[in-house]
N, C-alpha and C. Protein backbone atom coordinates (compact mmCIF):
# COMPACT_ATOMS: atom_id res chain seq x y z
N MET A 1 -110.64 38.25 -47.44
CA MET A 1 -110.95 36.88 -47.65
C MET A 1 -109.59 36.62 -48.45
N HIS A 2 -108.84 35.42 -47.93
CA HIS A 2 -107.59 35.41 -48.57
C HIS A 2 -107.96 34.50 -50.21
N ARG A 3 -106.93 35.06 -50.69
CA ARG A 3 -107.35 34.33 -52.37
C ARG A 3 -106.06 33.40 -52.40
N PRO A 4 -106.62 32.59 -52.66
CA PRO A 4 -105.87 31.44 -52.85
C PRO A 4 -104.87 31.43 -54.16
N ILE A 5 -103.54 30.93 -54.16
CA ILE A 5 -102.65 31.24 -55.39
C ILE A 5 -102.59 29.44 -55.49
N PHE A 6 -102.10 29.26 -56.34
CA PHE A 6 -102.32 28.00 -57.42
C PHE A 6 -100.72 28.03 -57.91
N GLY A 7 -100.25 26.91 -58.07
CA GLY A 7 -99.09 26.65 -58.89
C GLY A 7 -99.26 25.67 -59.95
N TYR A 8 -98.53 25.75 -61.41
CA TYR A 8 -98.69 25.18 -62.44
C TYR A 8 -97.51 24.80 -63.23
N ASP A 9 -97.21 23.63 -63.51
CA ASP A 9 -95.89 23.25 -64.17
C ASP A 9 -95.63 23.42 -65.44
N TYR A 10 -95.36 24.02 -65.84
CA TYR A 10 -95.11 24.56 -67.73
C TYR A 10 -93.49 23.89 -68.05
N ASN A 11 -93.37 23.08 -68.60
CA ASN A 11 -91.88 22.61 -69.08
C ASN A 11 -90.93 22.82 -67.79
N GLY A 12 -91.36 22.53 -66.61
CA GLY A 12 -90.48 22.51 -65.48
C GLY A 12 -90.45 24.11 -65.09
N THR A 13 -91.13 24.85 -65.07
CA THR A 13 -91.12 26.37 -64.56
C THR A 13 -92.45 26.33 -63.53
N ASN A 14 -92.51 26.69 -62.49
CA ASN A 14 -93.58 26.93 -61.76
C ASN A 14 -94.39 28.23 -62.05
N ILE A 15 -95.72 28.29 -62.32
CA ILE A 15 -96.25 29.28 -63.10
C ILE A 15 -97.41 29.17 -61.83
N GLU A 16 -97.10 30.67 -61.28
CA GLU A 16 -98.55 30.71 -60.42
C GLU A 16 -99.55 32.03 -60.87
N TRP A 17 -100.58 31.52 -60.44
CA TRP A 17 -101.76 31.71 -60.57
C TRP A 17 -103.17 32.11 -59.72
N THR A 18 -103.66 32.58 -60.17
CA THR A 18 -105.38 32.62 -59.17
C THR A 18 -106.33 33.11 -60.10
N TRP A 19 -107.52 33.12 -59.61
CA TRP A 19 -108.99 33.77 -60.05
C TRP A 19 -108.69 34.91 -59.90
N ASN A 20 -109.34 35.51 -61.00
CA ASN A 20 -109.31 36.94 -60.88
C ASN A 20 -110.70 37.38 -60.93
N VAL A 21 -111.63 37.16 -60.21
CA VAL A 21 -113.08 37.22 -59.97
C VAL A 21 -113.21 37.50 -57.93
N SER A 22 -114.35 38.37 -57.69
CA SER A 22 -114.53 38.62 -56.24
C SER A 22 -114.78 37.48 -55.65
N ALA A 23 -114.50 37.57 -54.41
CA ALA A 23 -114.50 36.44 -53.77
C ALA A 23 -116.37 36.02 -53.19
N LYS A 24 -117.15 37.05 -53.42
CA LYS A 24 -118.15 36.59 -53.50
C LYS A 24 -118.71 35.17 -54.41
N LYS A 25 -118.34 35.41 -55.69
CA LYS A 25 -118.49 35.02 -56.98
C LYS A 25 -118.18 33.13 -56.26
N LEU A 26 -116.76 33.13 -55.82
CA LEU A 26 -116.02 32.07 -55.48
C LEU A 26 -117.25 30.81 -54.72
N THR A 27 -117.85 31.25 -53.72
CA THR A 27 -118.45 30.80 -52.84
C THR A 27 -119.58 30.14 -53.69
N TRP A 28 -120.07 30.89 -54.59
CA TRP A 28 -121.35 30.32 -55.20
C TRP A 28 -121.34 28.69 -55.67
N LYS A 29 -122.27 28.26 -55.38
CA LYS A 29 -122.64 27.00 -56.38
C LYS A 29 -122.07 26.79 -57.43
N THR A 30 -123.17 27.44 -58.54
CA THR A 30 -123.33 27.57 -59.62
C THR A 30 -122.23 28.17 -60.58
N TRP A 31 -121.66 28.87 -60.03
CA TRP A 31 -120.22 29.59 -60.41
C TRP A 31 -119.26 28.57 -61.25
N ARG A 32 -119.53 28.88 -62.77
CA ARG A 32 -118.11 28.28 -63.50
C ARG A 32 -117.05 29.09 -64.23
N PRO A 33 -115.85 28.80 -63.62
CA PRO A 33 -114.73 29.86 -63.92
C PRO A 33 -114.64 30.09 -66.00
N ARG A 34 -114.39 31.28 -66.33
CA ARG A 34 -114.44 31.44 -67.73
C ARG A 34 -112.62 31.44 -67.91
N LEU A 35 -112.54 31.73 -69.21
CA LEU A 35 -111.12 31.72 -69.73
C LEU A 35 -110.53 33.09 -68.91
N ASN A 36 -110.83 33.87 -69.28
CA ASN A 36 -110.46 34.94 -68.96
C ASN A 36 -110.50 35.59 -66.93
N ASP A 37 -111.29 34.66 -66.35
CA ASP A 37 -111.17 34.51 -64.90
C ASP A 37 -109.54 34.04 -64.46
N VAL A 38 -108.99 33.26 -65.27
CA VAL A 38 -107.38 33.16 -64.96
C VAL A 38 -106.58 33.97 -65.18
N LYS A 39 -105.84 34.26 -63.53
CA LYS A 39 -105.22 35.58 -63.59
C LYS A 39 -103.57 34.73 -63.61
N ILE A 40 -102.47 35.09 -64.49
CA ILE A 40 -101.61 34.90 -63.94
C ILE A 40 -100.24 35.63 -63.12
N ILE A 41 -100.03 35.00 -61.80
CA ILE A 41 -99.03 36.12 -61.63
C ILE A 41 -97.72 36.21 -61.66
N SER A 42 -96.84 35.06 -62.05
CA SER A 42 -95.76 35.13 -62.48
C SER A 42 -95.54 35.93 -63.70
N SER A 43 -94.64 36.66 -63.70
CA SER A 43 -94.12 38.09 -64.62
C SER A 43 -92.90 37.25 -65.14
N GLY A 44 -92.32 38.15 -66.25
CA GLY A 44 -91.47 37.59 -67.36
C GLY A 44 -91.88 36.16 -68.63
N LEU A 45 -93.26 36.70 -68.75
CA LEU A 45 -93.87 35.71 -69.72
C LEU A 45 -94.44 36.61 -70.89
N ASP A 46 -94.24 36.40 -72.02
CA ASP A 46 -94.75 37.02 -73.28
C ASP A 46 -96.19 36.82 -73.09
N ASP A 47 -96.71 37.05 -74.25
CA ASP A 47 -98.43 37.21 -74.22
C ASP A 47 -98.70 36.06 -75.28
N ALA A 48 -98.19 35.30 -75.62
CA ALA A 48 -98.55 34.32 -76.54
C ALA A 48 -98.35 33.57 -75.34
N THR A 49 -97.14 33.10 -74.45
CA THR A 49 -97.28 32.10 -73.45
C THR A 49 -98.58 32.24 -73.01
N CYS A 50 -98.86 33.43 -71.71
CA CYS A 50 -99.36 33.26 -71.26
C CYS A 50 -100.84 32.38 -71.49
N VAL A 51 -101.59 32.89 -72.80
CA VAL A 51 -102.69 32.69 -73.49
C VAL A 51 -102.40 31.20 -73.55
N ILE A 52 -101.56 31.02 -73.69
CA ILE A 52 -101.62 29.40 -73.50
C ILE A 52 -101.49 28.50 -72.51
N ILE A 53 -101.07 28.89 -71.58
CA ILE A 53 -100.71 28.52 -69.75
C ILE A 53 -102.30 28.62 -69.76
N LYS A 54 -103.09 29.74 -69.85
CA LYS A 54 -104.47 29.94 -69.41
C LYS A 54 -105.50 28.99 -69.77
N GLU A 55 -105.09 28.98 -71.18
CA GLU A 55 -105.92 27.85 -71.93
C GLU A 55 -106.03 26.30 -71.22
N GLU A 56 -104.54 26.07 -70.97
CA GLU A 56 -104.32 24.97 -70.14
C GLU A 56 -104.45 24.60 -68.80
N ILE A 57 -104.69 25.52 -67.79
CA ILE A 57 -105.20 25.82 -66.77
C ILE A 57 -106.54 25.48 -67.07
N HIS A 58 -107.33 26.41 -67.57
CA HIS A 58 -109.00 26.36 -67.37
C HIS A 58 -109.35 25.40 -68.21
N LYS A 59 -108.80 24.44 -69.08
CA LYS A 59 -108.99 23.10 -69.44
C LYS A 59 -109.20 21.90 -68.55
N SER A 60 -108.34 21.88 -67.85
CA SER A 60 -107.57 21.25 -66.72
C SER A 60 -108.92 21.59 -66.04
N VAL A 61 -108.89 22.72 -64.94
CA VAL A 61 -109.85 22.84 -64.07
C VAL A 61 -111.20 22.12 -64.78
N MET A 62 -111.96 22.52 -65.89
CA MET A 62 -112.83 22.32 -66.57
C MET A 62 -113.24 21.12 -66.25
N ASP A 63 -112.26 20.34 -67.35
CA ASP A 63 -112.10 18.60 -67.43
C ASP A 63 -112.56 18.00 -65.81
N SER A 64 -111.78 18.25 -64.84
CA SER A 64 -111.57 17.61 -63.69
C SER A 64 -112.98 18.08 -62.79
N GLU A 65 -113.41 19.39 -62.90
CA GLU A 65 -114.34 19.98 -61.41
C GLU A 65 -115.74 19.73 -62.27
N TYR A 66 -115.84 20.16 -63.61
CA TYR A 66 -117.32 19.88 -64.07
C TYR A 66 -117.24 18.80 -65.55
N PRO A 67 -116.79 17.69 -65.25
CA PRO A 67 -116.95 16.57 -66.17
C PRO A 67 -118.27 16.60 -67.17
N LYS A 68 -118.36 16.13 -68.24
CA LYS A 68 -119.20 16.31 -69.37
C LYS A 68 -120.32 15.30 -68.80
N LYS A 69 -121.47 15.24 -68.88
CA LYS A 69 -122.38 14.13 -68.50
C LYS A 69 -122.55 13.31 -69.71
N GLU A 70 -122.47 12.09 -69.39
CA GLU A 70 -122.79 11.21 -70.49
C GLU A 70 -123.78 10.63 -70.61
N LYS A 71 -124.77 11.18 -72.00
CA LYS A 71 -125.94 10.67 -72.19
C LYS A 71 -125.96 9.17 -72.15
N LEU A 72 -127.65 9.18 -71.88
CA LEU A 72 -127.90 7.80 -72.20
C LEU A 72 -128.32 7.23 -73.43
N THR A 73 -128.11 6.18 -73.65
CA THR A 73 -128.17 5.62 -74.96
C THR A 73 -128.92 4.09 -75.23
N GLY A 74 -129.40 3.72 -76.21
CA GLY A 74 -130.42 2.52 -76.07
C GLY A 74 -131.70 2.90 -75.28
N MET A 75 -131.99 1.65 -74.61
CA MET A 75 -132.83 1.67 -74.14
C MET A 75 -132.98 2.16 -72.54
N TYR A 76 -131.76 2.45 -72.70
CA TYR A 76 -131.75 3.73 -71.01
C TYR A 76 -132.10 4.66 -71.25
N LYS A 77 -132.24 5.41 -72.82
CA LYS A 77 -132.28 6.52 -73.03
C LYS A 77 -133.74 7.05 -72.63
N GLN A 78 -135.02 5.76 -72.38
CA GLN A 78 -136.24 6.59 -72.56
C GLN A 78 -136.62 6.78 -70.85
N ARG A 79 -137.58 7.02 -70.85
CA ARG A 79 -137.90 8.00 -69.66
C ARG A 79 -137.97 6.55 -68.54
N GLY A 80 -137.89 6.87 -67.00
CA GLY A 80 -138.03 6.19 -66.02
C GLY A 80 -136.75 5.38 -66.00
N TYR A 81 -135.69 5.39 -66.74
CA TYR A 81 -134.52 4.29 -66.63
C TYR A 81 -133.10 5.35 -66.40
N LYS A 82 -132.52 4.90 -65.04
CA LYS A 82 -131.25 5.66 -65.02
C LYS A 82 -129.89 5.30 -64.76
């Protein structure tokens, strides 16, 4: 299976990255990526910059693909309302 390579714009520089997991996990519907699953392919970056980029990529993926559910409040919090 071909592992996709993604691009991330970091201060005008294209950073190539991919998921560092087995292809089997990528097909699971319940799989959620962790911070250590982000693998940066572009070389020439120091470790501190790589950590910052990994955190930004992980945060953007988690915010867009797995948004936090809003809890119901007030009378909608009672059972039976949706």
